[in-house]
Amino acid sequence: MVGVSRQTISSIENNQFCPSAKLALLLCIALDKKFEELFFFSNST
């Protein structure tokens, strides 16, 4: 649906790859979710 491989999606899910803003937006649209629902950022080091 968003034009990337299963490997790319898996890498995003496993925090091995940070998607571009465009890809992140496409994922939100495809899944009908808000950005905050799909992506979160931890402040821990």
N, C-alpha and C. Protein backbone atom coordinates (compact mmCIF):
# COMPACT_ATOMS: atom_id res chain seq x y z
N MET A 1 0.81 -1.21 0.00
CA MET A 1 0.00 0.00 0.00
C MET A 1 0.85 1.27 0.00
N VAL A 2 2.02 1.21 0.62
CA VAL A 2 2.84 2.43 0.71
C VAL A 2 4.08 2.36 -0.17
N GLY A 3 4.24 1.27 -0.87
CA GLY A 3 5.33 1.18 -1.84
C GLY A 3 6.69 0.81 -1.28
N VAL A 4 6.71 0.11 -0.15
CA VAL A 4 7.98 -0.36 0.41
C VAL A 4 7.90 -1.86 0.67
N SER A 5 9.04 -2.47 0.86
CA SER A 5 9.09 -3.92 1.07
C SER A 5 8.67 -4.30 2.49
N ARG A 6 8.39 -5.58 2.65
CA ARG A 6 8.09 -6.13 3.98
C ARG A 6 9.28 -5.92 4.91
N GLN A 7 10.48 -6.03 4.35
CA GLN A 7 11.69 -5.84 5.16
C GLN A 7 11.75 -4.43 5.73
N THR A 8 11.37 -3.44 4.93
CA THR A 8 11.37 -2.06 5.41
C THR A 8 10.39 -1.89 6.55
N ILE A 9 9.18 -2.43 6.40
CA ILE A 9 8.17 -2.35 7.46
C ILE A 9 8.68 -3.03 8.72
N SER A 10 9.28 -4.20 8.57
CA SER A 10 9.83 -4.93 9.72
C SER A 10 10.93 -4.12 10.40
N SER A 11 11.77 -3.49 9.63
CA SER A 11 12.86 -2.68 10.19
C SER A 11 12.31 -1.49 10.98
N ILE A 12 11.24 -0.89 10.48
CA ILE A 12 10.61 0.22 11.20
C ILE A 12 10.02 -0.29 12.51
N GLU A 13 9.33 -1.43 12.45
CA GLU A 13 8.71 -2.00 13.65
C GLU A 13 9.74 -2.38 14.71
N ASN A 14 10.93 -2.75 14.29
CA ASN A 14 11.98 -3.18 15.22
C ASN A 14 12.98 -2.07 15.55
N ASN A 15 12.61 -0.84 15.23
CA ASN A 15 13.45 0.34 15.52
C ASN A 15 14.84 0.25 14.91
N GLN A 16 14.95 -0.41 13.76
CA GLN A 16 16.22 -0.51 13.06
C GLN A 16 16.30 0.51 11.92
N PHE A 17 15.16 1.12 11.58
CA PHE A 17 15.09 2.07 10.48
C PHE A 17 14.12 3.17 10.84
N CYS A 18 14.52 4.41 10.62
CA CYS A 18 13.65 5.55 10.87
C CYS A 18 13.11 6.03 9.52
N PRO A 19 11.80 5.95 9.32
CA PRO A 19 11.24 6.31 8.02
C PRO A 19 11.32 7.81 7.76
N SER A 20 11.34 8.17 6.50
CA SER A 20 11.29 9.58 6.12
C SER A 20 9.94 10.13 6.53
N ALA A 21 9.82 11.43 6.54
CA ALA A 21 8.55 12.06 6.88
C ALA A 21 7.46 11.63 5.90
N LYS A 22 7.82 11.53 4.63
CA LYS A 22 6.85 11.13 3.61
C LYS A 22 6.35 9.71 3.86
N LEU A 23 7.27 8.79 4.14
CA LEU A 23 6.87 7.41 4.40
C LEU A 23 6.04 7.32 5.68
N ALA A 24 6.42 8.06 6.70
CA ALA A 24 5.65 8.05 7.95
C ALA A 24 4.23 8.54 7.69
N LEU A 25 4.08 9.58 6.89
CA LEU A 25 2.76 10.09 6.55
C LEU A 25 1.96 9.06 5.77
N LEU A 26 2.60 8.40 4.80
CA LEU A 26 1.91 7.37 4.02
C LEU A 26 1.45 6.21 4.90
N LEU A 27 2.26 5.83 5.88
CA LEU A 27 1.87 4.76 6.80
C LEU A 27 0.66 5.18 7.64
N CYS A 28 0.67 6.42 8.11
CA CYS A 28 -0.46 6.91 8.90
C CYS A 28 -1.74 6.89 8.08
N ILE A 29 -1.65 7.33 6.84
CA ILE A 29 -2.83 7.35 5.97
C ILE A 29 -3.31 5.92 5.68
N ALA A 30 -2.37 5.05 5.33
CA ALA A 30 -2.73 3.67 4.99
C ALA A 30 -3.37 2.94 6.16
N LEU A 31 -2.91 3.23 7.36
CA LEU A 31 -3.43 2.54 8.55
C LEU A 31 -4.52 3.32 9.27
N ASP A 32 -4.84 4.52 8.74
CA ASP A 32 -5.86 5.39 9.34
C ASP A 32 -5.57 5.63 10.82
N LYS A 33 -4.32 6.01 11.09
CA LYS A 33 -3.88 6.29 12.46
C LYS A 33 -3.20 7.64 12.52
N LYS A 34 -3.21 8.25 13.69
CA LYS A 34 -2.47 9.49 13.90
C LYS A 34 -0.99 9.15 14.07
N PHE A 35 -0.14 10.11 13.76
CA PHE A 35 1.31 9.91 13.89
C PHE A 35 1.67 9.41 15.29
N GLU A 36 1.08 10.05 16.29
CA GLU A 36 1.39 9.71 17.68
C GLU A 36 0.99 8.29 18.04
N GLU A 37 0.04 7.74 17.32
CA GLU A 37 -0.40 6.37 17.58
C GLU A 37 0.58 5.34 17.00
N LEU A 38 1.27 5.72 15.93
CA LEU A 38 2.19 4.78 15.28
C LEU A 38 3.63 4.93 15.75
N PHE A 39 4.02 6.16 16.08
CA PHE A 39 5.42 6.43 16.41
C PHE A 39 5.51 7.09 17.77
N PHE A 40 6.46 6.65 18.56
CA PHE A 40 6.70 7.32 19.83
C PHE A 40 8.21 7.38 20.03
N PHE A 41 8.61 8.36 20.80
CA PHE A 41 10.04 8.60 21.02
C PHE A 41 10.29 8.62 22.52
N SER A 42 11.26 7.85 22.93
CA SER A 42 11.62 7.79 24.34
C SER A 42 12.69 8.82 24.65
N ASN A 43 12.57 9.44 25.81
CA ASN A 43 13.57 10.43 26.24
C ASN A 43 14.73 9.78 26.98
N SER A 44 14.66 8.48 27.21
CA SER A 44 15.74 7.81 27.94
C SER A 44 16.97 7.64 27.06
N THR A 45 18.10 7.60 27.70
CA THR A 45 19.36 7.46 26.96
C THR A 45 19.92 6.07 27.06
